[in-house]
């Protein structure tokens, strides 16, 4: 019984720590800033 409780608490802890990590990332559109000149072409040598 204690082993089952320990496994359940460990699983709950793991899920509780994994959920915030799954929420990371960019939320907005992937557009460059208005004053950005990237990508730009460089002169050939």
N, C-alpha and C. Protein backbone atom coordinates (compact mmCIF):
# COMPACT_ATOMS: atom_id res chain seq x y z
N UNK A 1 0.83 -1.19 0.00
CA UNK A 1 0.00 0.00 0.00
C UNK A 1 0.87 1.26 0.00
N UNK A 2 1.91 1.28 0.82
CA UNK A 2 2.79 2.45 0.88
C UNK A 2 3.53 2.63 -0.44
N UNK A 3 3.85 1.51 -1.08
CA UNK A 3 4.55 1.58 -2.36
C UNK A 3 3.65 2.20 -3.43
N UNK A 4 2.37 1.87 -3.41
CA UNK A 4 1.42 2.44 -4.37
C UNK A 4 1.26 3.93 -4.13
N UNK A 5 1.17 4.33 -2.88
CA UNK A 5 1.05 5.75 -2.54
C UNK A 5 2.31 6.51 -2.95
N UNK A 6 3.44 5.92 -2.73
CA UNK A 6 4.70 6.56 -3.12
C UNK A 6 4.77 6.74 -4.63
N UNK A 7 4.36 5.72 -5.39
CA UNK A 7 4.37 5.82 -6.85
C UNK A 7 3.39 6.89 -7.34
N UNK A 8 2.23 6.96 -6.69
CA UNK A 8 1.23 7.96 -7.09
C UNK A 8 1.73 9.37 -6.80
N UNK A 9 2.36 9.58 -5.66
CA UNK A 9 2.90 10.90 -5.32
C UNK A 9 4.05 11.27 -6.24
N UNK A 10 4.87 10.31 -6.59
CA UNK A 10 5.97 10.57 -7.51
C UNK A 10 5.45 10.94 -8.90
N UNK A 11 4.42 10.24 -9.35
CA UNK A 11 3.82 10.55 -10.64
C UNK A 11 3.18 11.94 -10.61
N UNK A 12 2.51 12.28 -9.52
CA UNK A 12 1.89 13.59 -9.39
C UNK A 12 2.95 14.69 -9.37
N UNK A 13 4.04 14.46 -8.69
CA UNK A 13 5.13 15.41 -8.66
C UNK A 13 5.74 15.59 -10.05
N UNK A 14 5.93 14.51 -10.75
CA UNK A 14 6.49 14.57 -12.10
C UNK A 14 5.58 15.36 -13.04
N UNK A 15 4.29 15.09 -12.99
CA UNK A 15 3.34 15.81 -13.84
C UNK A 15 3.29 17.28 -13.45
N UNK A 16 3.33 17.55 -12.15
CA UNK A 16 3.31 18.93 -11.69
C UNK A 16 4.52 19.72 -12.13
N UNK A 17 5.66 19.07 -12.25
CA UNK A 17 6.86 19.75 -12.72
C UNK A 17 6.92 19.82 -14.24
N UNK A 18 6.28 18.90 -14.93
CA UNK A 18 6.35 18.86 -16.39
C UNK A 18 5.37 19.83 -17.05
N UNK A 19 4.26 20.12 -16.41
CA UNK A 19 3.25 20.99 -17.03
C UNK A 19 3.78 22.40 -17.30
N UNK A 20 4.46 23.05 -16.36
CA UNK A 20 4.98 24.38 -16.69
C UNK A 20 6.01 24.36 -17.82
N UNK A 21 6.77 23.31 -17.93
CA UNK A 21 7.75 23.23 -19.01
C UNK A 21 7.08 23.07 -20.36
N UNK A 22 5.95 22.41 -20.39
CA UNK A 22 5.24 22.22 -21.65
C UNK A 22 4.60 23.51 -22.12
N UNK A 23 4.45 24.47 -21.25
CA UNK A 23 3.80 25.72 -21.59
C UNK A 23 4.79 26.77 -22.09
N UNK A 24 6.07 26.47 -22.08
CA UNK A 24 7.06 27.44 -22.54
C UNK A 24 7.04 27.54 -24.06
N UNK A 25 7.46 28.66 -24.57
CA UNK A 25 7.55 28.84 -26.01
C UNK A 25 6.99 30.17 -26.44
N UNK A 26 7.14 30.45 -27.70
CA UNK A 26 6.66 31.71 -28.24
C UNK A 26 5.17 31.65 -28.46
N UNK A 27 4.47 32.67 -28.02
CA UNK A 27 3.02 32.68 -28.12
C UNK A 27 2.53 33.46 -29.34
N UNK A 28 3.31 34.44 -29.79
CA UNK A 28 2.88 35.32 -30.87
C UNK A 28 3.32 34.82 -32.23
N UNK A 29 2.98 35.57 -33.26
CA UNK A 29 3.39 35.20 -34.62
C UNK A 29 4.90 35.35 -34.79
N UNK A 30 5.46 34.54 -35.64
CA UNK A 30 6.90 34.57 -35.89
C UNK A 30 7.21 35.59 -36.98
N UNK A 31 7.15 36.85 -36.63
CA UNK A 31 7.42 37.93 -37.58
C UNK A 31 8.59 38.75 -37.05
N UNK A 32 9.45 39.24 -37.95
CA UNK A 32 10.57 40.07 -37.49
C UNK A 32 10.06 41.42 -36.98
N UNK A 33 10.83 42.07 -36.14
CA UNK A 33 10.44 43.40 -35.67
C UNK A 33 10.37 44.38 -36.84
N UNK A 34 9.59 45.46 -36.72
CA UNK A 34 9.41 46.39 -37.85
C UNK A 34 10.70 47.03 -38.35
N UNK A 35 11.66 47.32 -37.47
CA UNK A 35 12.88 47.99 -37.90
C UNK A 35 14.02 47.02 -38.21
N UNK A 36 13.73 45.76 -38.38
CA UNK A 36 14.76 44.76 -38.64
C UNK A 36 15.09 44.68 -40.12
N UNK A 37 16.37 44.52 -40.44
CA UNK A 37 16.78 44.34 -41.84
C UNK A 37 17.29 42.91 -42.07
N UNK A 38 16.87 42.00 -41.25
CA UNK A 38 17.26 40.59 -41.40
C UNK A 38 16.18 39.86 -42.17
N UNK A 39 16.43 38.98 -43.06
CA UNK A 39 17.75 38.66 -43.64
C UNK A 39 18.15 39.70 -44.69
N UNK A 40 19.40 39.93 -44.81
CA UNK A 40 19.88 40.86 -45.82
C UNK A 40 20.91 40.17 -46.70
N UNK A 41 21.09 40.67 -47.88
CA UNK A 41 22.06 40.07 -48.80
C UNK A 41 23.40 40.80 -48.63
N UNK A 42 24.44 40.03 -48.64
CA UNK A 42 25.79 40.58 -48.52
C UNK A 42 26.45 40.58 -49.89
N UNK A 43 27.32 41.54 -50.14
CA UNK A 43 27.98 41.58 -51.45
C UNK A 43 28.91 40.37 -51.64
N UNK A 44 28.91 39.86 -52.84
CA UNK A 44 29.79 38.74 -53.15
C UNK A 44 31.22 39.25 -53.31
N UNK A 45 32.17 38.44 -52.88
CA UNK A 45 33.57 38.86 -52.98
C UNK A 45 34.17 38.40 -54.29
